[in-house]
């Protein structure tokens, strides 16, 4: 699947926002720990992978980024 850098950047910012909001809500006592943990377990890997994809993606058009082994 080919993705543009801007699309992956949007995925990164949404994931980072969800992680930060979930953490803030937990520390304010508005959501319990299991809910915060579930949100972080789902969104953190997506956020990290999209950050790698932004870093490795080319500037032009769609690109298939290679993270490496």
C-alpha atoms as a PDB file:
ATOM      1  CA  UNK A   1       0.000   0.000   0.000  1.00  0.00           C
ATOM      2  CA  UNK A   2       1.409   3.356  -1.016  1.00  0.00           C
ATOM      3  CA  UNK A   3       0.938   6.315   1.301  1.00  0.00           C
ATOM      4  CA  UNK A   4       1.916   9.927   1.055  1.00  0.00           C
ATOM      5  CA  UNK A   5       3.955  11.560   3.760  1.00  0.00           C
ATOM      6  CA  UNK A   6       1.078  13.879   4.693  1.00  0.00           C
ATOM      7  CA  UNK A   7      -1.315  10.968   5.193  1.00  0.00           C
ATOM      8  CA  UNK A   8       1.120   9.174   7.491  1.00  0.00           C
ATOM      9  CA  UNK A   9       1.767  12.436   9.354  1.00  0.00           C
ATOM     10  CA  UNK A  10      -1.957  12.780  10.035  1.00  0.00           C
ATOM     11  CA  UNK A  11      -2.055   9.216  11.393  1.00  0.00           C
ATOM     12  CA  UNK A  12       0.923  10.045  13.623  1.00  0.00           C
ATOM     13  CA  UNK A  13      -0.660  13.204  15.044  1.00  0.00           C
ATOM     14  CA  UNK A  14      -3.986  11.492  15.712  1.00  0.00           C
ATOM     15  CA  UNK A  15      -2.229   8.619  17.493  1.00  0.00           C
ATOM     16  CA  UNK A  16      -0.019  10.957  19.501  1.00  0.00           C
ATOM     17  CA  UNK A  17      -3.057  13.027  20.444  1.00  0.00           C
ATOM     18  CA  UNK A  18      -4.967   9.976  21.638  1.00  0.00           C
ATOM     19  CA  UNK A  19      -1.973   8.869  23.740  1.00  0.00           C
ATOM     20  CA  UNK A  20      -1.585  12.279  25.350  1.00  0.00           C
ATOM     21  CA  UNK A  21      -5.313  12.782  25.943  1.00  0.00           C
ATOM     22  CA  UNK A  22      -5.698   9.305  27.460  1.00  0.00           C
ATOM     23  CA  UNK A  23      -2.757   9.916  29.782  1.00  0.00           C
ATOM     24  CA  UNK A  24      -4.038  13.330  30.873  1.00  0.00           C
ATOM     25  CA  UNK A  25      -7.537  11.984  31.490  1.00  0.00           C
ATOM     26  CA  UNK A  26      -6.114   9.138  33.590  1.00  0.00           C
ATOM     27  CA  UNK A  27      -3.975  11.472  35.700  1.00  0.00           C
ATOM     28  CA  UNK A  28      -6.971  13.750  36.229  1.00  0.00           C
ATOM     29  CA  UNK A  29      -8.959  10.722  37.429  1.00  0.00           C
ATOM     30  CA  UNK A  30     -11.557  10.895  34.668  1.00  0.00           C
ATOM     31  CA  UNK A  31     -10.914   7.431  33.202  1.00  0.00           C
ATOM     32  CA  UNK A  32      -9.783   4.248  34.976  1.00  0.00           C
ATOM     33  CA  UNK A  33      -6.388   2.637  34.406  1.00  0.00           C
ATOM     34  CA  UNK A  34      -7.698  -0.279  32.252  1.00  0.00           C
ATOM     35  CA  UNK A  35      -9.289   2.158  29.784  1.00  0.00           C
ATOM     36  CA  UNK A  36      -6.122   4.255  29.595  1.00  0.00           C
ATOM     37  CA  UNK A  37      -4.016   1.114  29.141  1.00  0.00           C
ATOM     38  CA  UNK A  38      -6.271  -0.201  26.384  1.00  0.00           C
ATOM     39  CA  UNK A  39      -6.036   3.084  24.492  1.00  0.00           C
ATOM     40  CA  UNK A  40      -2.264   3.209  24.839  1.00  0.00           C
ATOM     41  CA  UNK A  41      -1.794  -0.438  23.833  1.00  0.00           C
ATOM     42  CA  UNK A  42      -3.742   0.171  20.625  1.00  0.00           C
ATOM     43  CA  UNK A  43      -2.485   3.614  19.624  1.00  0.00           C
ATOM     44  CA  UNK A  44       1.161   3.686  20.733  1.00  0.00           C
ATOM     45  CA  UNK A  45       2.454   1.084  18.228  1.00  0.00           C
ATOM     46  CA  UNK A  46       0.535   2.781  15.410  1.00  0.00           C
ATOM     47  CA  UNK A  47       2.050   6.114  16.424  1.00  0.00           C
ATOM     48  CA  UNK A  48       5.604   4.760  16.515  1.00  0.00           C
ATOM     49  CA  UNK A  49       5.258   2.963  13.178  1.00  0.00           C
ATOM     50  CA  UNK A  50       3.793   6.013  11.501  1.00  0.00           C
ATOM     51  CA  UNK A  51       6.695   8.091  12.857  1.00  0.00           C
ATOM     52  CA  UNK A  52       9.128   5.655  11.199  1.00  0.00           C
ATOM     53  CA  UNK A  53       7.113   5.818   7.979  1.00  0.00           C
ATOM     54  CA  UNK A  54       7.222   9.636   8.010  1.00  0.00           C
ATOM     55  CA  UNK A  55      10.966   9.511   8.537  1.00  0.00           C
ATOM     56  CA  UNK A  56      11.588   7.065   5.694  1.00  0.00           C
ATOM     57  CA  UNK A  57       8.978   8.246   3.172  1.00  0.00           C
ATOM     58  CA  UNK A  58      10.080  10.187   0.139  1.00  0.00           C
ATOM     59  CA  UNK A  59       8.951  13.693  -0.677  1.00  0.00           C
ATOM     60  CA  UNK A  60       7.228  12.906  -3.966  1.00  0.00           C
ATOM     61  CA  UNK A  61       3.909  11.116  -4.446  1.00  0.00           C
ATOM     62  CA  UNK A  62       3.216   7.776  -2.854  1.00  0.00           C
ATOM     63  CA  UNK A  63       6.075   5.779  -1.446  1.00  0.00           C
ATOM     64  CA  UNK A  64       6.561   2.426   0.248  1.00  0.00           C
ATOM     65  CA  UNK A  65       8.878   3.180   3.158  1.00  0.00           C
ATOM     66  CA  UNK A  66      11.443   0.642   4.330  1.00  0.00           C
ATOM     67  CA  UNK A  67      12.141   0.629   8.041  1.00  0.00           C
ATOM     68  CA  UNK A  68      14.807  -2.083   8.049  1.00  0.00           C
ATOM     69  CA  UNK A  69      15.420  -5.059  10.274  1.00  0.00           C
END
